[in-house]
Amino acid sequence: MTRLNWKAGIATVMGAIAVLGSAGLAQAQSRMDWLSSGESVTYEGYLFTDENVYGICDDNCSDLDIYLYDAGSGELVSSDTLVDNLPIVTAPYEGNFLIQVVMVDCLASACETATDSDTGF
């Protein structure tokens, strides 16, 4: 399996977020997982208004999605289901959220993923 070059990967993600104009420096607290096609993992985290949550996966991954749910109501508030391996969602308000990361397409038995946010949820 191809392992992520985390420094380069996170630097790329941070650069992309900075280009979007809504992020400062992240306090990296990445959640790392190995997911097979069709598998998912859910995290709970406190996010600020307009805080970005992003994922990245290794070279064997061609499609990773993120769903953001309100932790209290369970309502879906944002999602990134584009066919890519760099999903980004934005919290519409401050509060507790559930962050579901879904491995849509992994070409290996499992792909390495990292999930983080602007301030490290």
C-alpha atoms as a PDB file:
ATOM      1  CA  MET A   1       0.000   0.000   0.000  1.00  0.00           C
ATOM      2  CA  THR A   2       1.155   3.492  -0.723  1.00  0.00           C
ATOM      3  CA  ARG A   3       1.510   5.537   2.443  1.00  0.00           C
ATOM      4  CA  LEU A   4       0.651   9.180   2.467  1.00  0.00           C
ATOM      5  CA  ASN A   5       3.428  11.700   2.660  1.00  0.00           C
ATOM      6  CA  TRP A   6       1.643  13.460   5.536  1.00  0.00           C
ATOM      7  CA  LYS A   7       3.764  16.593   5.586  1.00  0.00           C
ATOM      8  CA  ALA A   8       3.283  17.170   1.870  1.00  0.00           C
ATOM      9  CA  GLY A   9      -0.368  16.109   1.983  1.00  0.00           C
ATOM     10  CA  ILE A  10      -1.316  18.325   4.907  1.00  0.00           C
ATOM     11  CA  ALA A  11       0.694  21.213   3.419  1.00  0.00           C
ATOM     12  CA  THR A  12      -1.271  20.789   0.189  1.00  0.00           C
ATOM     13  CA  VAL A  13      -4.559  20.747   2.079  1.00  0.00           C
ATOM     14  CA  MET A  14      -3.597  23.812   4.096  1.00  0.00           C
ATOM     15  CA  GLY A  15      -2.546  25.618   0.928  1.00  0.00           C
ATOM     16  CA  ALA A  16      -5.861  24.789  -0.717  1.00  0.00           C
ATOM     17  CA  ILE A  17      -7.792  26.033   2.301  1.00  0.00           C
ATOM     18  CA  ALA A  18      -5.737  29.216   2.476  1.00  0.00           C
ATOM     19  CA  VAL A  19      -6.448  29.826  -1.201  1.00  0.00           C
ATOM     20  CA  LEU A  20     -10.155  29.512  -0.438  1.00  0.00           C
ATOM     21  CA  GLY A  21      -9.596  32.444   1.903  1.00  0.00           C
ATOM     22  CA  SER A  22     -11.138  31.090   5.056  1.00  0.00           C
ATOM     23  CA  ALA A  23      -8.284  29.557   7.013  1.00  0.00           C
ATOM     24  CA  GLY A  24      -5.290  30.484   9.023  1.00  0.00           C
ATOM     25  CA  LEU A  25      -2.753  27.982  10.234  1.00  0.00           C
ATOM     26  CA  ALA A  26      -4.224  24.670  11.345  1.00  0.00           C
ATOM     27  CA  GLN A  27      -3.388  23.060  14.621  1.00  0.00           C
ATOM     28  CA  ALA A  28      -3.020  19.582  13.175  1.00  0.00           C
ATOM     29  CA  GLN A  29      -4.752  16.879  15.171  1.00  0.00           C
ATOM     30  CA  SER A  30      -5.431  14.558  12.273  1.00  0.00           C
ATOM     31  CA  ARG A  31      -7.534  11.488  12.784  1.00  0.00           C
ATOM     32  CA  MET A  32      -5.904   8.685  10.802  1.00  0.00           C
ATOM     33  CA  ASP A  33      -7.668   5.535   9.663  1.00  0.00           C
ATOM     34  CA  TRP A  34      -7.455   2.652   7.198  1.00  0.00           C
ATOM     35  CA  LEU A  35     -10.714   2.263   5.284  1.00  0.00           C
ATOM     36  CA  SER A  36     -11.784  -0.174   2.556  1.00  0.00           C
ATOM     37  CA  SER A  37     -14.266   0.705  -0.191  1.00  0.00           C
ATOM     38  CA  GLY A  38     -17.695   1.159   1.371  1.00  0.00           C
ATOM     39  CA  GLU A  39     -16.400   1.630   4.921  1.00  0.00           C
ATOM     40  CA  SER A  40     -16.809   4.757   7.016  1.00  0.00           C
ATOM     41  CA  VAL A  41     -15.755   6.242  10.324  1.00  0.00           C
ATOM     42  CA  THR A  42     -17.540   8.926  12.352  1.00  0.00           C
ATOM     43  CA  TYR A  43     -15.965  11.460  14.700  1.00  0.00           C
ATOM     44  CA  GLU A  44     -17.554  13.974  17.023  1.00  0.00           C
ATOM     45  CA  GLY A  45     -16.037  17.425  17.246  1.00  0.00           C
ATOM     46  CA  TYR A  46     -16.686  21.021  18.176  1.00  0.00           C
ATOM     47  CA  LEU A  47     -16.432  23.364  15.196  1.00  0.00           C
ATOM     48  CA  PHE A  48     -16.552  27.132  14.833  1.00  0.00           C
ATOM     49  CA  THR A  49     -18.664  29.001  12.275  1.00  0.00           C
ATOM     50  CA  ASP A  50     -17.062  28.692   8.811  1.00  0.00           C
ATOM     51  CA  GLU A  51     -14.456  26.180  10.051  1.00  0.00           C
ATOM     52  CA  ASN A  52     -13.362  23.781   7.324  1.00  0.00           C
ATOM     53  CA  VAL A  53     -13.124  20.025   7.847  1.00  0.00           C
ATOM     54  CA  TYR A  54     -11.096  18.191   5.246  1.00  0.00           C
ATOM     55  CA  GLY A  55      -9.941  14.717   4.398  1.00  0.00           C
ATOM     56  CA  ILE A  56      -7.108  13.272   2.387  1.00  0.00           C
ATOM     57  CA  CYS A  57      -6.187   9.734   1.430  1.00  0.00           C
ATOM     58  CA  ASP A  58      -3.315   7.809  -0.102  1.00  0.00           C
ATOM     59  CA  ASP A  59      -2.552   7.140  -3.776  1.00  0.00           C
ATOM     60  CA  ASN A  60      -4.795   4.042  -3.830  1.00  0.00           C
ATOM     61  CA  CYS A  61      -7.852   6.161  -3.052  1.00  0.00           C
ATOM     62  CA  SER A  62      -9.786   7.857  -5.835  1.00  0.00           C
ATOM     63  CA  ASP A  63     -12.939   8.929  -3.978  1.00  0.00           C
ATOM     64  CA  LEU A  64     -13.350   9.987  -0.345  1.00  0.00           C
ATOM     65  CA  ASP A  65     -16.475  11.775   0.929  1.00  0.00           C
ATOM     66  CA  ILE A  66     -17.313  13.736   4.099  1.00  0.00           C
ATOM     67  CA  TYR A  67     -20.745  14.299   5.643  1.00  0.00           C
ATOM     68  CA  LEU A  68     -21.272  16.845   8.427  1.00  0.00           C
ATOM     69  CA  TYR A  69     -24.208  16.324  10.797  1.00  0.00           C
ATOM     70  CA  ASP A  70     -25.509  18.420  13.686  1.00  0.00           C
ATOM     71  CA  ALA A  71     -24.641  16.298  16.745  1.00  0.00           C
ATOM     72  CA  GLY A  72     -27.850  17.238  18.572  1.00  0.00           C
ATOM     73  CA  SER A  73     -30.449  16.822  15.845  1.00  0.00           C
ATOM     74  CA  GLY A  74     -28.652  14.407  13.511  1.00  0.00           C
ATOM     75  CA  GLU A  75     -29.507  16.713  10.597  1.00  0.00           C
ATOM     76  CA  LEU A  76     -27.133  16.708   7.615  1.00  0.00           C
ATOM     77  CA  VAL A  77     -25.774  20.264   7.363  1.00  0.00           C
ATOM     78  CA  SER A  78     -23.021  19.887   4.740  1.00  0.00           C
ATOM     79  CA  SER A  79     -21.397  17.269   2.535  1.00  0.00           C
ATOM     80  CA  ASP A  80     -18.723  16.856  -0.113  1.00  0.00           C
ATOM     81  CA  THR A  81     -19.543  13.948  -2.408  1.00  0.00           C
ATOM     82  CA  LEU A  82     -17.506  15.026  -5.420  1.00  0.00           C
ATOM     83  CA  VAL A  83     -15.487  12.250  -7.074  1.00  0.00           C
ATOM     84  CA  ASP A  84     -12.109  13.247  -5.617  1.00  0.00           C
ATOM     85  CA  ASN A  85      -9.806  12.339  -2.754  1.00  0.00           C
ATOM     86  CA  LEU A  86      -9.736  15.745  -1.031  1.00  0.00           C
ATOM     87  CA  PRO A  87     -13.207  16.458   0.403  1.00  0.00           C
ATOM     88  CA  ILE A  88     -13.849  19.693   2.307  1.00  0.00           C
ATOM     89  CA  VAL A  89     -16.976  20.717   4.234  1.00  0.00           C
ATOM     90  CA  THR A  90     -17.636  23.919   6.168  1.00  0.00           C
ATOM     91  CA  ALA A  91     -19.494  24.260   9.468  1.00  0.00           C
ATOM     92  CA  PRO A  92     -22.426  26.650   8.968  1.00  0.00           C
ATOM     93  CA  TYR A  93     -22.493  27.589  12.670  1.00  0.00           C
ATOM     94  CA  GLU A  94     -20.591  26.970  15.915  1.00  0.00           C
ATOM     95  CA  GLY A  95     -21.370  23.801  17.816  1.00  0.00           C
ATOM     96  CA  ASN A  96     -20.977  20.042  18.148  1.00  0.00           C
ATOM     97  CA  PHE A  97     -20.973  18.024  14.951  1.00  0.00           C
ATOM     98  CA  LEU A  98     -20.643  14.448  13.756  1.00  0.00           C
ATOM     99  CA  ILE A  99     -18.129  14.108  10.938  1.00  0.00           C
ATOM    100  CA  GLN A 100     -18.598  10.986   8.820  1.00  0.00           C
ATOM    101  CA  VAL A 101     -15.769  10.038   6.457  1.00  0.00           C
ATOM    102  CA  VAL A 102     -16.764   7.537   3.752  1.00  0.00           C
ATOM    103  CA  MET A 103     -14.311   5.624   1.575  1.00  0.00           C
ATOM    104  CA  VAL A 104     -16.160   5.390  -1.706  1.00  0.00           C
ATOM    105  CA  ASP A 105     -13.383   3.931  -3.866  1.00  0.00           C
ATOM    106  CA  CYS A 106     -10.138   2.372  -2.644  1.00  0.00           C
ATOM    107  CA  LEU A 107      -8.143   0.323  -5.153  1.00  0.00           C
ATOM    108  CA  ALA A 108      -6.308  -1.611  -2.410  1.00  0.00           C
ATOM    109  CA  SER A 109      -7.658  -3.742   0.435  1.00  0.00           C
ATOM    110  CA  ALA A 110      -7.624  -0.564   2.566  1.00  0.00           C
ATOM    111  CA  CYS A 111      -6.521   3.039   2.066  1.00  0.00           C
ATOM    112  CA  GLU A 112      -4.907   5.343   4.612  1.00  0.00           C
ATOM    113  CA  THR A 113      -6.918   8.468   5.412  1.00  0.00           C
ATOM    114  CA  ALA A 114      -6.507  11.587   7.535  1.00  0.00           C
ATOM    115  CA  THR A 115      -9.265  13.940   8.668  1.00  0.00           C
ATOM    116  CA  ASP A 116      -8.661  17.351  10.247  1.00  0.00           C
ATOM    117  CA  SER A 117     -10.062  20.863  10.529  1.00  0.00           C
ATOM    118  CA  ASP A 118      -8.805  24.429  10.563  1.00  0.00           C
ATOM    119  CA  THR A 119      -8.397  24.418  14.347  1.00  0.00           C
ATOM    120  CA  GLY A 120      -8.122  20.668  15.001  1.00  0.00           C
ATOM    121  CA  PHE A 121     -11.582  19.491  16.121  1.00  0.00           C
END
